[in-house]
Amino acid sequence: MRKLKVGTRKSPLAMRQTQLVIAALEQVAPNIEVEIVGISTKGDRLQTASLTAIGGKGVFVKEVEQRLLRQQIDFAVHSLKDMPAILPPGLILAATPPRADARDCLVLKEAWQEGRPLVIGSSSMRRIKQLQRPNFRFEPIRGAIETRLAKMQATMDGTVLACAGLERMGYLAELPFAYPLAVEDCIPAVGQGILAVECRSEDHELQELLKQIDHEETRIQATAERQFLAAMNGNCDIPLGGHLRRQGQEWQFAAYLAASSDAVGRQLLLNGTEPELLVKQAVAALL
């Protein structure tokens, strides 16, 4: 196997996630050589604008995928929740390693007190709509985990972050007032907690290597959730959540949709044995 180049965003979390993928590959191919190529994306550069204003889903992956298509890198590591429902022609989702905790996490400066007025930093309409409380006031916030935590300490009472990112960076155990939110209370974004390993569809040798770190249950979750995203025409314009998980011998699909930023959202919890059928039922009920 040739020396490989893997592309990813330059954020500390993206670099950490890529290191985790490389470590998994080293377990199945001990002699592998991989160079990390950090790539600046539009979403990283324009941190004062909303994601909707600068292009919605895809602003964290487009430049990386362009490098992949130009054969400047061999594969890429993304957070699956950042990826549009349809991949560019010539690229495939080659591996989904085991999923991390998909839940959202409310991080506060001080211990939770019921009814206390709080200024919460979040630019995610999905999170804002589901977490609305009379005592919560939401302020826009974007940037890497470290940036958001610093802004929270400076000017806010709390923020909402993905458990997976906090865990991967080692922050979750260190934060004294971090409260993971039940899926029923805040349905996660499609693909949240899943790493996406993307490569060119023509690179069959690399695909054979990457599929060795693919995790079957995570692949089922990723496929179903992205089918839901595609059917709902999901982007950053509408508050949308979709999460598939095991419930005993069955699957449960949790879905959330607010038709607009002003609309009252609707939540569904559907149980069954066939993920694809659950997704179809959710789409039919919400559209």
C-alpha atoms as a PDB file:
ATOM      1  CA  MET A   1       0.000   0.000   0.000  1.00  0.00           C
ATOM      2  CA  ARG A   2       1.286   3.443  -0.966  1.00  0.00           C
ATOM      3  CA  LYS A   3       1.775   6.249   1.537  1.00  0.00           C
ATOM      4  CA  LEU A   4      -1.617   7.883   1.957  1.00  0.00           C
ATOM      5  CA  LYS A   5      -2.743  11.476   2.411  1.00  0.00           C
ATOM      6  CA  VAL A   6      -5.893  12.141   4.425  1.00  0.00           C
ATOM      7  CA  GLY A   7      -7.635  15.505   4.265  1.00  0.00           C
ATOM      8  CA  THR A   8      -9.641  17.125   7.019  1.00  0.00           C
ATOM      9  CA  ARG A   9     -10.535  20.501   8.499  1.00  0.00           C
ATOM     10  CA  LYS A  10      -7.899  22.288  10.566  1.00  0.00           C
ATOM     11  CA  SER A  11      -9.919  22.488  13.784  1.00  0.00           C
ATOM     12  CA  PRO A  12      -8.566  20.627  16.840  1.00  0.00           C
ATOM     13  CA  LEU A  13     -11.602  18.322  16.818  1.00  0.00           C
ATOM     14  CA  ALA A  14     -11.225  17.474  13.115  1.00  0.00           C
ATOM     15  CA  MET A  15      -7.549  16.689  13.637  1.00  0.00           C
ATOM     16  CA  ARG A  16      -8.357  14.515  16.664  1.00  0.00           C
ATOM     17  CA  GLN A  17     -11.038  12.629  14.751  1.00  0.00           C
ATOM     18  CA  THR A  18      -8.622  12.000  11.899  1.00  0.00           C
ATOM     19  CA  GLN A  19      -6.044  10.673  14.347  1.00  0.00           C
ATOM     20  CA  LEU A  20      -8.674   8.260  15.678  1.00  0.00           C
ATOM     21  CA  VAL A  21      -9.347   6.978  12.158  1.00  0.00           C
ATOM     22  CA  ILE A  22      -5.623   6.546  11.488  1.00  0.00           C
ATOM     23  CA  ALA A  23      -5.269   4.621  14.768  1.00  0.00           C
ATOM     24  CA  ALA A  24      -8.097   2.303  13.695  1.00  0.00           C
ATOM     25  CA  LEU A  25      -6.412   1.740  10.326  1.00  0.00           C
ATOM     26  CA  GLU A  26      -3.112   0.949  12.056  1.00  0.00           C
ATOM     27  CA  GLN A  27      -4.883  -1.832  13.935  1.00  0.00           C
ATOM     28  CA  VAL A  28      -5.753  -3.602  10.670  1.00  0.00           C
ATOM     29  CA  ALA A  29      -2.689  -2.479   8.657  1.00  0.00           C
ATOM     30  CA  PRO A  30       0.250  -1.974  11.078  1.00  0.00           C
ATOM     31  CA  ASN A  31       2.668  -0.788   8.378  1.00  0.00           C
ATOM     32  CA  ILE A  32       0.394   1.886   6.953  1.00  0.00           C
ATOM     33  CA  GLU A  33       1.802   5.399   6.452  1.00  0.00           C
ATOM     34  CA  VAL A  34      -0.658   8.302   6.539  1.00  0.00           C
ATOM     35  CA  GLU A  35      -0.001  12.043   6.292  1.00  0.00           C
ATOM     36  CA  ILE A  36      -2.665  14.457   7.574  1.00  0.00           C
ATOM     37  CA  VAL A  37      -3.426  17.415   5.300  1.00  0.00           C
ATOM     38  CA  GLY A  38      -5.256  20.245   7.085  1.00  0.00           C
ATOM     39  CA  ILE A  39      -7.662  22.125   4.813  1.00  0.00           C
ATOM     40  CA  SER A  40      -9.355  25.469   5.457  1.00  0.00           C
ATOM     41  CA  THR A  41     -13.076  25.403   4.633  1.00  0.00           C
ATOM     42  CA  LYS A  42     -15.554  28.203   4.031  1.00  0.00           C
ATOM     43  CA  GLY A  43     -17.380  27.326   7.230  1.00  0.00           C
ATOM     44  CA  ASP A  44     -14.173  27.731   9.221  1.00  0.00           C
ATOM     45  CA  ARG A  45     -13.170  31.018   7.610  1.00  0.00           C
ATOM     46  CA  LEU A  46     -16.533  32.807   7.933  1.00  0.00           C
ATOM     47  CA  GLN A  47     -17.365  32.334  11.596  1.00  0.00           C
ATOM     48  CA  THR A  48     -19.406  35.492  12.093  1.00  0.00           C
ATOM     49  CA  ALA A  49     -22.084  34.570   9.531  1.00  0.00           C
ATOM     50  CA  SER A  50     -24.787  31.944   9.963  1.00  0.00           C
ATOM     51  CA  LEU A  51     -24.306  28.645   8.150  1.00  0.00           C
ATOM     52  CA  THR A  52     -27.481  29.322   6.177  1.00  0.00           C
ATOM     53  CA  ALA A  53     -26.094  32.645   4.933  1.00  0.00           C
ATOM     54  CA  ILE A  54     -22.845  31.117   3.664  1.00  0.00           C
ATOM     55  CA  GLY A  55     -24.251  28.047   1.972  1.00  0.00           C
ATOM     56  CA  GLY A  56     -25.815  25.685   4.498  1.00  0.00           C
ATOM     57  CA  LYS A  57     -24.791  22.042   4.644  1.00  0.00           C
ATOM     58  CA  GLY A  58     -21.528  21.389   2.867  1.00  0.00           C
ATOM     59  CA  VAL A  59     -19.615  24.493   3.960  1.00  0.00           C
ATOM     60  CA  PHE A  60     -17.339  22.321   6.110  1.00  0.00           C
ATOM     61  CA  VAL A  61     -16.699  19.641   3.484  1.00  0.00           C
ATOM     62  CA  LYS A  62     -16.714  21.172  -0.011  1.00  0.00           C
ATOM     63  CA  GLU A  63     -13.054  22.253  -0.139  1.00  0.00           C
ATOM     64  CA  VAL A  64     -11.958  18.890   1.261  1.00  0.00           C
ATOM     65  CA  GLU A  65     -13.975  17.002  -1.348  1.00  0.00           C
ATOM     66  CA  GLN A  66     -12.523  19.181  -4.107  1.00  0.00           C
ATOM     67  CA  ARG A  67      -9.008  18.145  -3.033  1.00  0.00           C
ATOM     68  CA  LEU A  68     -10.159  14.531  -3.075  1.00  0.00           C
ATOM     69  CA  LEU A  69     -11.578  14.784  -6.585  1.00  0.00           C
ATOM     70  CA  ARG A  70      -8.365  16.457  -7.791  1.00  0.00           C
ATOM     71  CA  GLN A  71      -6.391  13.520  -6.319  1.00  0.00           C
ATOM     72  CA  GLN A  72      -4.463  15.857  -4.014  1.00  0.00           C
ATOM     73  CA  ILE A  73      -5.482  13.644  -1.080  1.00  0.00           C
ATOM     74  CA  ASP A  74      -6.434   9.954  -0.986  1.00  0.00           C
ATOM     75  CA  PHE A  75      -9.286  10.022   1.509  1.00  0.00           C
ATOM     76  CA  ALA A  76     -11.031  12.405   3.880  1.00  0.00           C
ATOM     77  CA  VAL A  77     -12.436  12.335   7.399  1.00  0.00           C
ATOM     78  CA  HIS A  78     -15.570  14.367   8.145  1.00  0.00           C
ATOM     79  CA  SER A  79     -18.220  14.625  10.818  1.00  0.00           C
ATOM     80  CA  LEU A  80     -21.136  12.939   9.065  1.00  0.00           C
ATOM     81  CA  LYS A  81     -23.569  15.591  10.332  1.00  0.00           C
ATOM     82  CA  ASP A  82     -21.716  18.180   8.203  1.00  0.00           C
ATOM     83  CA  MET A  83     -22.228  16.273   4.943  1.00  0.00           C
ATOM     84  CA  PRO A  84     -25.043  16.939   2.453  1.00  0.00           C
ATOM     85  CA  ALA A  85     -27.384  14.033   1.774  1.00  0.00           C
ATOM     86  CA  ILE A  86     -25.980  13.483  -1.726  1.00  0.00           C
ATOM     87  CA  LEU A  87     -22.240  13.034  -2.298  1.00  0.00           C
ATOM     88  CA  PRO A  88     -20.518  14.509  -5.369  1.00  0.00           C
ATOM     89  CA  PRO A  89     -20.190  12.108  -8.330  1.00  0.00           C
ATOM     90  CA  GLY A  90     -17.004  10.088  -8.017  1.00  0.00           C
ATOM     91  CA  LEU A  91     -16.946   9.964  -4.208  1.00  0.00           C
ATOM     92  CA  ILE A  92     -18.261   7.328  -1.795  1.00  0.00           C
ATOM     93  CA  LEU A  93     -18.719   6.916   1.937  1.00  0.00           C
ATOM     94  CA  ALA A  94     -16.140   4.153   2.380  1.00  0.00           C
ATOM     95  CA  ALA A  95     -16.315   3.638   6.154  1.00  0.00           C
ATOM     96  CA  THR A  96     -18.253   4.628   9.245  1.00  0.00           C
ATOM     97  CA  PRO A  97     -16.315   3.598  12.382  1.00  0.00           C
ATOM     98  CA  PRO A  98     -18.268   2.899  15.598  1.00  0.00           C
ATOM     99  CA  ARG A  99     -20.529   5.772  16.566  1.00  0.00           C
ATOM    100  CA  ALA A 100     -19.810   7.933  19.604  1.00  0.00           C
ATOM    101  CA  ASP A 101     -22.498   9.368  21.895  1.00  0.00           C
ATOM    102  CA  ALA A 102     -24.988  11.048  19.551  1.00  0.00           C
ATOM    103  CA  ARG A 103     -26.647  13.226  22.187  1.00  0.00           C
ATOM    104  CA  ASP A 104     -26.413  16.975  22.625  1.00  0.00           C
ATOM    105  CA  CYS A 105     -24.945  18.346  25.843  1.00  0.00           C
ATOM    106  CA  LEU A 106     -25.932  21.465  27.770  1.00  0.00           C
ATOM    107  CA  VAL A 107     -22.763  22.982  29.247  1.00  0.00           C
ATOM    108  CA  LEU A 108     -23.204  25.580  32.002  1.00  0.00           C
ATOM    109  CA  LYS A 109     -20.839  27.814  33.972  1.00  0.00           C
ATOM    110  CA  GLU A 110     -22.738  27.076  37.179  1.00  0.00           C
ATOM    111  CA  ALA A 111     -24.803  24.157  38.417  1.00  0.00           C
ATOM    112  CA  TRP A 112     -28.311  23.775  36.995  1.00  0.00           C
ATOM    113  CA  GLN A 113     -31.073  25.511  38.950  1.00  0.00           C
ATOM    114  CA  GLU A 114     -34.637  25.073  37.743  1.00  0.00           C
ATOM    115  CA  GLY A 115     -36.117  28.348  36.516  1.00  0.00           C
ATOM    116  CA  ARG A 116     -32.920  30.424  36.727  1.00  0.00           C
ATOM    117  CA  PRO A 117     -32.633  32.839  33.753  1.00  0.00           C
ATOM    118  CA  LEU A 118     -29.857  31.716  31.406  1.00  0.00           C
ATOM    119  CA  VAL A 119     -28.183  33.127  28.312  1.00  0.00           C
ATOM    120  CA  ILE A 120     -27.361  30.105  26.125  1.00  0.00           C
ATOM    121  CA  GLY A 121     -25.015  30.281  23.146  1.00  0.00           C
ATOM    122  CA  SER A 122     -26.275  28.390  20.091  1.00  0.00           C
ATOM    123  CA  SER A 123     -26.749  29.086  16.394  1.00  0.00           C
ATOM    124  CA  SER A 124     -28.466  25.740  15.747  1.00  0.00           C
ATOM    125  CA  MET A 125     -32.190  26.211  15.121  1.00  0.00           C
ATOM    126  CA  ARG A 126     -32.676  22.488  15.766  1.00  0.00           C
ATOM    127  CA  ARG A 127     -31.283  22.896  19.279  1.00  0.00           C
ATOM    128  CA  ILE A 128     -32.902  26.265  19.949  1.00  0.00           C
ATOM    129  CA  LYS A 129     -36.396  25.119  18.932  1.00  0.00           C
ATOM    130  CA  GLN A 130     -36.234  21.938  21.012  1.00  0.00           C
ATOM    131  CA  LEU A 131     -34.729  23.563  24.101  1.00  0.00           C
ATOM    132  CA  GLN A 132     -36.917  26.674  24.275  1.00  0.00           C
ATOM    133  CA  ARG A 133     -37.814  27.552  27.867  1.00  0.00           C
ATOM    134  CA  PRO A 134     -39.299  30.739  29.385  1.00  0.00           C
ATOM    135  CA  ASN A 135     -36.031  31.293  31.270  1.00  0.00           C
ATOM    136  CA  PHE A 136     -33.691  30.635  28.291  1.00  0.00           C
ATOM    137  CA  ARG A 137     -32.428  33.396  26.002  1.00  0.00           C
ATOM    138  CA  PHE A 138     -30.379  32.208  23.045  1.00  0.00           C
ATOM    139  CA  GLU A 139     -27.472  34.142  21.537  1.00  0.00           C
ATOM    140  CA  PRO A 140     -25.644  33.211  18.303  1.00  0.00           C
ATOM    141  CA  ILE A 141     -22.341  31.396  18.716  1.00  0.00           C
ATOM    142  CA  ARG A 142     -20.110  29.571  16.243  1.00  0.00           C
ATOM    143  CA  GLY A 143     -16.586  28.218  16.118  1.00  0.00           C
ATOM    144  CA  ALA A 144     -14.543  25.322  17.453  1.00  0.00           C
ATOM    145  CA  ILE A 145     -15.353  23.751  20.815  1.00  0.00           C
ATOM    146  CA  GLU A 146     -12.599  25.759  22.494  1.00  0.00           C
ATOM    147  CA  THR A 147     -13.914  29.003  20.998  1.00  0.00           C
ATOM    148  CA  ARG A 148     -17.452  28.337  22.183  1.00  0.00           C
ATOM    149  CA  LEU A 149     -16.373  27.410  25.692  1.00  0.00           C
ATOM    150  CA  ALA A 150     -14.288  30.593  25.903  1.00  0.00           C
ATOM    151  CA  LYS A 151     -17.202  32.735  24.673  1.00  0.00           C
ATOM    152  CA  MET A 152     -19.467  31.057  27.206  1.00  0.00           C
ATOM    153  CA  GLN A 153     -17.077  31.866  30.042  1.00  0.00           C
ATOM    154  CA  ALA A 154     -16.818  35.483  28.883  1.00  0.00           C
ATOM    155  CA  THR A 155     -20.367  36.541  28.059  1.00  0.00           C
ATOM    156  CA  MET A 156     -22.887  33.701  28.505  1.00  0.00           C
ATOM    157  CA  ASP A 157     -24.258  31.256  31.040  1.00  0.00           C
ATOM    158  CA  GLY A 158     -24.035  28.169  28.868  1.00  0.00           C
ATOM    159  CA  THR A 159     -23.842  26.614  25.435  1.00  0.00           C
ATOM    160  CA  VAL A 160     -24.954  23.423  23.695  1.00  0.00           C
ATOM    161  CA  LEU A 161     -22.395  21.099  22.108  1.00  0.00           C
ATOM    162  CA  ALA A 162     -22.311  17.540  20.795  1.00  0.00           C
ATOM    163  CA  CYS A 163     -21.350  14.949  23.405  1.00  0.00           C
ATOM    164  CA  ALA A 164     -19.223  13.166  20.801  1.00  0.00           C
ATOM    165  CA  GLY A 165     -16.919  16.120  20.227  1.00  0.00           C
ATOM    166  CA  LEU A 166     -16.553  16.806  23.943  1.00  0.00           C
ATOM    167  CA  GLU A 167     -15.695  13.152  24.561  1.00  0.00           C
ATOM    168  CA  ARG A 168     -13.194  12.908  21.719  1.00  0.00           C
ATOM    169  CA  MET A 169     -11.374  16.016  22.944  1.00  0.00           C
ATOM    170  CA  GLY A 170     -11.401  14.809  26.546  1.00  0.00           C
ATOM    171  CA  TYR A 171     -13.483  17.740  27.787  1.00  0.00           C
ATOM    172  CA  LEU A 172     -16.656  15.985  28.915  1.00  0.00           C
ATOM    173  CA  ALA A 173     -15.129  14.526  32.073  1.00  0.00           C
ATOM    174  CA  GLU A 174     -13.425  17.849  32.906  1.00  0.00           C
ATOM    175  CA  LEU A 175     -16.463  20.131  32.635  1.00  0.00           C
ATOM    176  CA  PRO A 176     -18.112  20.378  36.071  1.00  0.00           C
ATOM    177  CA  PHE A 177     -21.573  21.319  34.798  1.00  0.00           C
ATOM    178  CA  ALA A 178     -22.142  19.315  31.612  1.00  0.00           C
ATOM    179  CA  TYR A 179     -25.602  17.795  31.170  1.00  0.00           C
ATOM    180  CA  PRO A 180     -26.104  15.277  28.322  1.00  0.00           C
ATOM    181  CA  LEU A 181     -29.644  15.658  26.986  1.00  0.00           C
ATOM    182  CA  ALA A 182     -31.913  12.672  26.442  1.00  0.00           C
ATOM    183  CA  VAL A 183     -32.688  11.971  22.790  1.00  0.00           C
ATOM    184  CA  GLU A 184     -36.366  12.572  23.556  1.00  0.00           C
ATOM    185  CA  ASP A 185     -35.574  16.058  24.883  1.00  0.00           C
ATOM    186  CA  CYS A 186     -33.346  17.110  21.987  1.00  0.00           C
ATOM    187  CA  ILE A 187     -33.337  14.857  18.942  1.00  0.00           C
ATOM    188  CA  PRO A 188     -29.805  14.937  17.474  1.00  0.00           C
ATOM    189  CA  ALA A 189     -28.786  16.060  14.020  1.00  0.00           C
ATOM    190  CA  VAL A 190     -28.649  13.408  11.312  1.00  0.00           C
ATOM    191  CA  GLY A 191     -25.321  11.597  11.593  1.00  0.00           C
ATOM    192  CA  GLN A 192     -24.309  13.244  14.877  1.00  0.00           C
ATOM    193  CA  GLY A 193     -21.530  11.256  16.556  1.00  0.00           C
ATOM    194  CA  ILE A 194     -20.559   9.414  13.352  1.00  0.00           C
ATOM    195  CA  LEU A 195     -17.249   9.856  11.543  1.00  0.00           C
ATOM    196  CA  ALA A 196     -17.432   9.652   7.755  1.00  0.00           C
ATOM    197  CA  VAL A 197     -14.441   8.300   5.828  1.00  0.00           C
ATOM    198  CA  GLU A 198     -14.774   9.342   2.188  1.00  0.00           C
ATOM    199  CA  CYS A 199     -12.705   8.301  -0.831  1.00  0.00           C
ATOM    200  CA  ARG A 200     -12.873   8.171  -4.624  1.00  0.00           C
ATOM    201  CA  SER A 201     -15.176   5.501  -6.027  1.00  0.00           C
ATOM    202  CA  GLU A 202     -12.465   4.438  -8.488  1.00  0.00           C
ATOM    203  CA  ASP A 203      -9.883   3.737  -5.746  1.00  0.00           C
ATOM    204  CA  HIS A 204     -10.764   0.092  -5.150  1.00  0.00           C
ATOM    205  CA  GLU A 205      -7.514  -0.769  -3.351  1.00  0.00           C
ATOM    206  CA  LEU A 206      -8.108   1.917  -0.737  1.00  0.00           C
ATOM    207  CA  GLN A 207     -11.767   0.949  -0.384  1.00  0.00           C
ATOM    208  CA  GLU A 208     -10.705  -2.585   0.570  1.00  0.00           C
ATOM    209  CA  LEU A 209      -8.573  -1.157   3.364  1.00  0.00           C
ATOM    210  CA  LEU A 210     -11.140   1.352   4.614  1.00  0.00           C
ATOM    211  CA  LYS A 211     -14.001  -1.126   4.760  1.00  0.00           C
ATOM    212  CA  GLN A 212     -12.073  -3.004   7.443  1.00  0.00           C
ATOM    213  CA  ILE A 213     -12.855  -0.200   9.909  1.00  0.00           C
ATOM    214  CA  ASP A 214     -16.515   0.055   8.885  1.00  0.00           C
ATOM    215  CA  HIS A 215     -18.955  -0.734  11.714  1.00  0.00           C
ATOM    216  CA  GLU A 216     -22.128  -2.539  10.671  1.00  0.00           C
ATOM    217  CA  GLU A 217     -24.584  -1.009  13.139  1.00  0.00           C
ATOM    218  CA  THR A 218     -23.190   2.487  12.581  1.00  0.00           C
ATOM    219  CA  ARG A 219     -23.483   1.989   8.814  1.00  0.00           C
ATOM    220  CA  ILE A 220     -27.160   1.039   9.235  1.00  0.00           C
ATOM    221  CA  GLN A 221     -27.740   4.165  11.325  1.00  0.00           C
ATOM    222  CA  ALA A 222     -25.885   6.411   8.880  1.00  0.00           C
ATOM    223  CA  THR A 223     -27.758   5.020   5.879  1.00  0.00           C
ATOM    224  CA  ALA A 224     -31.204   5.386   7.451  1.00  0.00           C
ATOM    225  CA  GLU A 225     -30.599   8.859   8.842  1.00  0.00           C
ATOM    226  CA  ARG A 226     -29.198  10.123   5.544  1.00  0.00           C
ATOM    227  CA  GLN A 227     -32.189   8.662   3.693  1.00  0.00           C
ATOM    228  CA  PHE A 228     -34.349  10.744   6.020  1.00  0.00           C
ATOM    229  CA  LEU A 229     -32.206  13.829   5.370  1.00  0.00           C
ATOM    230  CA  ALA A 230     -32.502  13.380   1.608  1.00  0.00           C
ATOM    231  CA  ALA A 231     -36.262  12.807   1.722  1.00  0.00           C
ATOM    232  CA  MET A 232     -36.781  15.896   3.883  1.00  0.00           C
ATOM    233  CA  ASN A 233     -34.471  17.962   1.660  1.00  0.00           C
ATOM    234  CA  GLY A 234     -32.598  18.786   4.841  1.00  0.00           C
ATOM    235  CA  ASN A 235     -30.148  21.662   5.064  1.00  0.00           C
ATOM    236  CA  CYS A 236     -29.330  24.332   7.616  1.00  0.00           C
ATOM    237  CA  ASP A 237     -32.458  26.324   6.683  1.00  0.00           C
ATOM    238  CA  ILE A 238     -34.920  24.141   8.596  1.00  0.00           C
ATOM    239  CA  PRO A 239     -34.716  22.758  12.144  1.00  0.00           C
ATOM    240  CA  LEU A 240     -34.423  19.006  11.499  1.00  0.00           C
ATOM    241  CA  GLY A 241     -33.312  16.069  13.620  1.00  0.00           C
ATOM    242  CA  GLY A 242     -33.173  12.359  12.892  1.00  0.00           C
ATOM    243  CA  HIS A 243     -31.687   9.571  14.993  1.00  0.00           C
ATOM    244  CA  LEU A 244     -31.819   5.771  14.696  1.00  0.00           C
ATOM    245  CA  ARG A 245     -30.963   3.605  17.703  1.00  0.00           C
ATOM    246  CA  ARG A 246     -31.433   0.091  19.005  1.00  0.00           C
ATOM    247  CA  GLN A 247     -34.285  -0.527  21.433  1.00  0.00           C
ATOM    248  CA  GLY A 248     -33.991  -4.150  22.534  1.00  0.00           C
ATOM    249  CA  GLN A 249     -34.660  -6.340  19.509  1.00  0.00           C
ATOM    250  CA  GLU A 250     -36.126  -3.425  17.568  1.00  0.00           C
ATOM    251  CA  TRP A 251     -34.981  -0.116  16.165  1.00  0.00           C
ATOM    252  CA  GLN A 252     -36.322   3.268  17.194  1.00  0.00           C
ATOM    253  CA  PHE A 253     -36.277   6.242  14.828  1.00  0.00           C
ATOM    254  CA  ALA A 254     -36.595   9.648  16.470  1.00  0.00           C
ATOM    255  CA  ALA A 255     -37.468  12.521  14.136  1.00  0.00           C
ATOM    256  CA  TYR A 256     -37.955  16.241  14.635  1.00  0.00           C
ATOM    257  CA  LEU A 257     -39.063  18.926  12.193  1.00  0.00           C
ATOM    258  CA  ALA A 258     -40.072  22.562  12.424  1.00  0.00           C
ATOM    259  CA  ALA A 259     -41.296  23.720   9.025  1.00  0.00           C
ATOM    260  CA  SER A 260     -39.618  27.100   9.598  1.00  0.00           C
ATOM    261  CA  SER A 261     -37.681  28.922  12.280  1.00  0.00           C
ATOM    262  CA  ASP A 262     -40.980  30.415  13.496  1.00  0.00           C
ATOM    263  CA  ALA A 263     -43.070  27.236  13.434  1.00  0.00           C
ATOM    264  CA  VAL A 264     -43.841  24.941  16.347  1.00  0.00           C
ATOM    265  CA  GLY A 265     -41.795  21.778  15.897  1.00  0.00           C
ATOM    266  CA  ARG A 266     -43.113  18.236  15.773  1.00  0.00           C
ATOM    267  CA  GLN A 267     -41.410  15.181  17.248  1.00  0.00           C
ATOM    268  CA  LEU A 268     -41.925  11.507  16.378  1.00  0.00           C
ATOM    269  CA  LEU A 269     -40.683   8.298  18.012  1.00  0.00           C
ATOM    270  CA  LEU A 270     -41.276   5.220  15.846  1.00  0.00           C
ATOM    271  CA  ASN A 271     -40.396   1.607  16.676  1.00  0.00           C
ATOM    272  CA  GLY A 272     -39.997  -1.373  14.356  1.00  0.00           C
ATOM    273  CA  THR A 273     -37.646  -3.956  12.908  1.00  0.00           C
ATOM    274  CA  GLU A 274     -36.861  -2.294   9.549  1.00  0.00           C
ATOM    275  CA  PRO A 275     -34.995   1.035   9.635  1.00  0.00           C
ATOM    276  CA  GLU A 276     -35.890   1.908   6.044  1.00  0.00           C
ATOM    277  CA  LEU A 277     -39.601   1.471   6.774  1.00  0.00           C
ATOM    278  CA  LEU A 278     -39.338   3.615   9.917  1.00  0.00           C
ATOM    279  CA  VAL A 279     -37.750   6.386   7.871  1.00  0.00           C
ATOM    280  CA  LYS A 280     -40.533   6.202   5.269  1.00  0.00           C
ATOM    281  CA  GLN A 281     -43.157   6.373   8.016  1.00  0.00           C
ATOM    282  CA  ALA A 282     -41.453   9.400   9.578  1.00  0.00           C
ATOM    283  CA  VAL A 283     -41.230  11.218   6.247  1.00  0.00           C
ATOM    284  CA  ALA A 284     -44.889  10.509   5.469  1.00  0.00           C
ATOM    285  CA  ALA A 285     -45.968  11.780   8.881  1.00  0.00           C
ATOM    286  CA  LEU A 286     -43.894  14.961   8.796  1.00  0.00           C
ATOM    287  CA  LEU A 287     -44.361  16.115   5.202  1.00  0.00           C
END
